[in-house]
Amino acid sequence: MSNKNLRKEYKKNFLTNVIFKLDFQKILELNEKNPPSEFQKKIADKFPITNELRNKLLEFETKKETEDVSVKQERTLSWEFMNKEKTKKVIVDSQFLIVEFLKYTTFEEFFQDIKFILGIFSELYCVKISKRIGLRYINQINIPSGDPLDWNLLINKDLFGLTKNFLSDKDPILRSMHLLEVKQESYTLRFQFGLFNSEYPNPIARKEFVLDYDCFSVEEKETSDIFSRIEEYHAVIRNLFEKSIMENLIKIMNGEII
């Protein structure tokens, strides 16, 4: 997928979550007895709100002799840091790091925050090899009025035509979501799209469409090339997004149609 002819940033977007996630080998010195206190101090000006996230992790193990399945439950602890407006968050775990925007403006701002967080994290913890690098953009497009199944001139017809043409108008559709996965040499792209229906399990009544792009690599890589990977994945996602939208949605995002 080419990264040529990328459009400028739009005046408005429908992004609800933009997520960068880095997975790595378990950091043994990062645990409940040794929380990321120094990391917290260094990012406190930008991310002053702190929360502990306690989760349960289930592991399933099958015994070869009897084929019995045993379940092992492990409690995990992560740390969440948020800005004052609660529009940005950082999650630190012994096996992964997440930077997430809940209110996205530009890639440049997002990219700079990732560099800031990774720079401090790398100073404190020696992470040289990544197990997974991922970048995800979730668009939840809401249009105030109109036929909830008709996205003509808003979304590429290939992304909604199946639902519109395959079923009768009298069929009460509850949800119509689709998954497309593409494997390239340096990444895998997982693209989920369709009528997600925020009022499920009621029949679709609102005009809503989701475009969810997840670009990632699960190969072990040196962390020194993380930033070039992020830029590559962003270009891939941006190109596919431009292919997914049509002229009237572009006008809405440019403020030409209210």
Protein backbone atom coordinates (compact mmCIF):
# COMPACT_ATOMS: atom_id res chain seq x y z
CA MET A 1 0.00 0.00 0.00
CA SER A 2 1.43 3.32 -1.06
CA ASN A 3 1.85 6.21 1.35
CA LYS A 4 1.68 8.83 -1.39
CA ASN A 5 -0.92 11.58 -1.62
CA LEU A 6 -1.94 11.53 2.03
CA ARG A 7 -4.52 14.21 2.74
CA LYS A 8 -4.02 16.93 5.30
CA GLU A 9 -5.73 16.54 8.68
CA TYR A 10 -9.47 17.14 8.60
CA LYS A 11 -11.21 19.80 10.71
CA LYS A 12 -13.34 17.09 12.31
CA ASN A 13 -12.89 13.37 12.81
CA PHE A 14 -14.93 10.46 14.14
CA LEU A 15 -12.07 8.79 16.01
CA THR A 16 -13.03 7.44 19.44
CA ASN A 17 -9.79 5.58 20.18
CA VAL A 18 -6.28 5.77 18.74
CA ILE A 19 -3.99 3.22 20.36
CA PHE A 20 -0.30 2.39 20.25
CA LYS A 21 0.69 -0.83 21.99
CA LEU A 22 4.14 -2.32 22.52
CA ASP A 23 4.51 -5.86 23.87
CA PHE A 24 7.81 -7.17 25.24
CA GLN A 25 9.37 -9.84 27.43
CA LYS A 26 8.28 -9.67 31.06
CA ILE A 27 10.11 -7.03 33.10
CA LEU A 28 10.83 -8.84 36.36
CA GLU A 29 11.58 -5.67 38.33
CA LEU A 30 8.15 -4.21 37.50
CA ASN A 31 5.58 -5.67 39.88
CA GLU A 32 3.34 -4.89 42.85
CA LYS A 33 6.31 -4.52 45.19
CA ASN A 34 8.20 -2.45 42.63
CA PRO A 35 5.68 -0.14 40.92
CA PRO A 36 6.79 2.36 38.23
CA SER A 37 7.25 5.19 40.76
CA GLU A 38 10.13 6.88 38.94
CA PHE A 39 8.25 6.66 35.65
CA GLN A 40 5.25 8.28 37.35
CA LYS A 41 7.38 11.18 38.57
CA LYS A 42 8.88 11.83 35.15
CA ILE A 43 5.52 12.00 33.34
CA ALA A 44 3.51 13.65 36.16
CA ASP A 45 3.34 17.08 34.49
CA LYS A 46 1.56 15.64 31.46
CA PHE A 47 -0.17 12.65 33.09
CA PRO A 48 -0.93 13.52 36.74
CA ILE A 49 -3.87 11.12 37.29
CA THR A 50 -2.87 7.62 38.39
CA ASN A 51 -4.87 4.41 38.85
CA GLU A 52 -4.03 0.79 39.56
CA LEU A 53 -5.68 -1.74 37.26
CA ARG A 54 -6.12 -5.20 38.73
CA ASN A 55 -7.07 -7.96 36.32
CA LYS A 56 -7.45 -11.72 36.28
CA LEU A 57 -5.55 -13.73 33.68
CA LEU A 58 -6.74 -17.25 32.89
CA GLU A 59 -4.30 -19.81 31.44
CA PHE A 60 -5.54 -23.13 30.05
CA GLU A 61 -3.24 -26.16 30.07
CA THR A 62 -4.00 -29.57 28.53
CA LYS A 63 -2.34 -32.66 29.97
CA LYS A 64 -1.07 -34.92 27.19
CA GLU A 65 -1.67 -38.16 29.08
CA THR A 66 -5.31 -37.62 30.00
CA GLU A 67 -6.24 -34.65 27.76
CA ASP A 68 -7.71 -33.03 30.85
CA VAL A 69 -7.78 -29.26 30.82
CA SER A 70 -6.63 -27.39 33.90
CA VAL A 71 -7.23 -23.69 34.46
CA LYS A 72 -4.63 -21.52 36.17
CA GLN A 73 -5.72 -18.12 37.39
CA GLU A 74 -3.18 -15.34 37.79
CA ARG A 75 -3.82 -11.85 39.10
CA THR A 76 -2.08 -9.11 37.16
CA LEU A 77 -1.44 -5.48 38.02
CA SER A 78 -1.08 -2.59 35.60
CA TRP A 79 -0.77 1.15 36.14
CA GLU A 80 -2.79 3.78 34.29
CA PHE A 81 -1.76 7.43 33.91
CA MET A 82 -4.09 10.08 32.46
CA ASN A 83 -3.92 13.77 31.63
CA LYS A 84 -6.12 16.25 33.53
CA GLU A 85 -8.77 16.23 30.79
CA LYS A 86 -8.81 12.39 30.73
CA THR A 87 -8.44 12.46 26.95
CA LYS A 88 -5.05 10.71 26.93
CA LYS A 89 -3.89 7.66 28.82
CA VAL A 90 -0.77 5.57 29.31
CA ILE A 91 -0.93 2.01 30.64
CA VAL A 92 2.21 0.33 31.96
CA ASP A 93 2.40 -3.41 32.56
CA SER A 94 5.31 -5.77 33.11
CA GLN A 95 4.71 -7.12 29.57
CA PHE A 96 3.30 -4.19 27.58
CA LEU A 97 3.00 -0.42 27.23
CA ILE A 98 -0.03 1.43 25.81
CA VAL A 99 -0.46 5.04 24.70
CA GLU A 100 -4.07 5.88 23.89
CA PHE A 101 -5.85 9.05 22.75
CA LEU A 102 -9.59 9.32 23.43
CA LYS A 103 -9.70 12.71 21.71
CA TYR A 104 -7.42 12.69 18.68
CA THR A 105 -6.27 15.84 16.90
CA THR A 106 -3.20 15.13 14.73
CA PHE A 107 -0.77 12.32 14.15
CA GLU A 108 2.09 14.68 15.00
CA GLU A 109 0.76 15.24 18.53
CA PHE A 110 0.13 11.53 19.04
CA PHE A 111 3.56 10.62 17.68
CA GLN A 112 5.31 13.14 19.95
CA ASP A 113 3.56 11.73 23.02
CA ILE A 114 4.63 8.20 22.07
CA LYS A 115 8.23 9.40 21.71
CA PHE A 116 8.03 11.17 25.09
CA ILE A 117 6.64 8.11 26.89
CA LEU A 118 8.94 5.58 25.22
CA GLY A 119 11.97 7.79 25.84
CA ILE A 120 11.35 7.83 29.59
CA PHE A 121 10.33 4.17 29.73
CA SER A 122 13.50 3.13 27.89
CA GLU A 123 15.65 5.09 30.33
CA LEU A 124 14.21 3.17 33.27
CA TYR A 125 13.68 -0.32 31.82
CA CYS A 126 15.91 -2.13 29.38
CA VAL A 127 13.55 -3.24 26.61
CA LYS A 128 15.61 -4.05 23.52
CA ILE A 129 13.33 -6.55 21.74
CA SER A 130 9.62 -6.12 21.05
CA LYS A 131 7.26 -9.08 20.76
CA ARG A 132 4.51 -7.05 19.11
CA ILE A 133 4.11 -3.50 17.79
CA GLY A 134 0.61 -2.30 17.02
CA LEU A 135 -1.23 0.85 15.92
CA ARG A 136 -5.03 0.99 15.90
CA TYR A 137 -7.49 3.67 14.74
CA ILE A 138 -11.19 3.24 15.60
CA ASN A 139 -13.68 5.51 13.81
CA GLN A 140 -17.32 5.47 14.95
CA ILE A 141 -19.18 7.51 12.35
CA ASN A 142 -22.54 8.89 13.48
CA ILE A 143 -24.87 10.72 11.09
CA PRO A 144 -27.89 12.43 12.71
CA SER A 145 -30.50 11.38 10.13
CA GLY A 146 -31.14 9.19 7.10
CA ASP A 147 -31.59 5.53 6.24
CA PRO A 148 -29.24 3.64 8.61
CA LEU A 149 -28.47 1.08 5.89
CA ASP A 150 -27.76 3.57 3.09
CA TRP A 151 -24.22 5.01 3.17
CA ASN A 152 -24.10 6.10 -0.46
CA LEU A 153 -21.66 9.03 -1.02
CA LEU A 154 -20.44 8.64 2.58
CA ILE A 155 -18.73 5.23 2.66
CA ASN A 156 -17.21 3.20 -0.18
CA LYS A 157 -20.11 1.14 -1.50
CA ASP A 158 -18.05 -2.06 -1.34
CA LEU A 159 -18.08 -1.78 2.46
CA PHE A 160 -21.85 -1.58 2.93
CA GLY A 161 -23.31 -2.97 -0.31
CA LEU A 162 -23.61 -6.54 0.99
CA THR A 163 -25.94 -5.59 3.81
CA LYS A 164 -27.96 -3.18 1.68
CA ASN A 165 -28.39 -5.49 -1.32
CA PHE A 166 -28.41 -9.00 0.11
CA LEU A 167 -31.31 -8.65 2.55
CA SER A 168 -34.83 -7.28 2.22
CA ASP A 169 -35.66 -3.84 3.63
CA LYS A 170 -38.15 -5.64 5.87
CA ASP A 171 -35.47 -7.76 7.55
CA PRO A 172 -34.79 -6.38 11.07
CA ILE A 173 -30.98 -6.29 11.02
CA LEU A 174 -29.35 -6.28 14.46
CA ARG A 175 -25.74 -5.90 13.39
CA SER A 176 -23.60 -6.24 10.28
CA MET A 177 -19.88 -6.33 11.02
CA HIS A 178 -17.15 -7.65 8.72
CA LEU A 179 -13.49 -8.58 9.10
CA LEU A 180 -10.73 -8.32 6.51
CA GLU A 181 -7.15 -9.37 7.27
CA VAL A 182 -4.18 -8.68 5.00
CA LYS A 183 -0.63 -10.01 5.53
CA GLN A 184 2.24 -7.99 4.13
CA GLU A 185 5.97 -8.56 4.61
CA SER A 186 6.37 -6.11 7.49
CA TYR A 187 2.90 -6.07 9.04
CA THR A 188 -0.57 -7.58 9.30
CA LEU A 189 -3.63 -5.38 8.83
CA ARG A 190 -6.90 -6.29 10.55
CA PHE A 191 -9.79 -4.17 9.24
CA GLN A 192 -13.20 -4.39 10.91
CA PHE A 193 -16.07 -2.42 9.42
CA GLY A 194 -19.82 -2.20 9.25
CA LEU A 195 -22.99 -1.40 11.17
CA PHE A 196 -21.96 -1.96 14.80
CA ASN A 197 -25.31 -0.81 16.30
CA SER A 198 -24.86 0.93 19.65
CA GLU A 199 -28.40 -0.15 20.63
CA TYR A 200 -27.80 -3.88 20.09
CA PRO A 201 -29.69 -6.25 20.56
CA ASN A 202 -32.43 -3.92 19.30
CA PRO A 203 -32.74 -3.67 15.50
CA ILE A 204 -30.58 -1.03 13.83
CA ALA A 205 -32.24 2.39 14.05
CA ARG A 206 -29.32 4.83 14.23
CA LYS A 207 -27.14 5.76 11.26
CA GLU A 208 -23.78 4.49 12.56
CA PHE A 209 -20.79 2.94 10.81
CA VAL A 210 -17.48 1.75 12.25
CA LEU A 211 -14.10 1.76 10.48
CA ASP A 212 -11.57 0.00 12.71
CA TYR A 213 -7.99 -0.38 11.43
CA ASP A 214 -5.44 -2.40 13.40
CA CYS A 215 -1.93 -2.60 11.91
CA PHE A 216 0.65 -4.70 13.74
CA SER A 217 3.65 -7.02 13.65
CA VAL A 218 4.10 -10.03 15.95
CA GLU A 219 7.66 -10.74 14.91
CA GLU A 220 10.43 -10.05 17.40
CA LYS A 221 12.06 -6.76 16.42
CA GLU A 222 14.69 -4.48 17.87
CA THR A 223 13.02 -1.58 19.61
CA SER A 224 15.34 0.84 17.79
CA ASP A 225 13.05 0.77 14.72
CA ILE A 226 9.77 1.33 16.60
CA PHE A 227 9.29 4.91 15.38
CA SER A 228 9.77 4.05 11.71
CA ARG A 229 7.25 1.23 12.17
CA ILE A 230 4.69 3.59 13.69
CA GLU A 231 5.06 5.99 10.75
CA GLU A 232 4.71 3.11 8.29
CA TYR A 233 1.59 1.73 10.01
CA HIS A 234 0.03 5.19 10.16
CA ALA A 235 0.54 5.66 6.42
CA VAL A 236 -1.03 2.25 5.73
CA ILE A 237 -4.07 3.04 7.88
CA ARG A 238 -4.45 6.55 6.48
CA ASN A 239 -4.41 5.30 2.89
CA LEU A 240 -7.03 2.67 3.62
CA PHE A 241 -9.20 5.21 5.44
CA GLU A 242 -9.08 7.51 2.40
CA LYS A 243 -10.16 4.57 0.26
CA SER A 244 -13.03 3.84 2.66
CA ILE A 245 -14.71 7.26 2.62
CA MET A 246 -16.59 9.19 -0.06
CA GLU A 247 -17.13 12.82 -0.95
CA ASN A 248 -20.01 13.71 1.39
CA LEU A 249 -18.21 12.37 4.45
CA ILE A 250 -15.11 14.32 3.40
CA LYS A 251 -17.25 17.46 3.23
CA ILE A 252 -18.64 16.79 6.73
CA MET A 253 -15.11 16.31 8.08
CA ASN A 254 -13.98 19.52 6.40
CA GLY A 255 -16.89 21.47 7.90
CA GLU A 256 -18.55 22.05 4.51
CA ILE A 257 -21.67 20.06 5.52
CA ILE A 258 -23.06 20.31 9.04
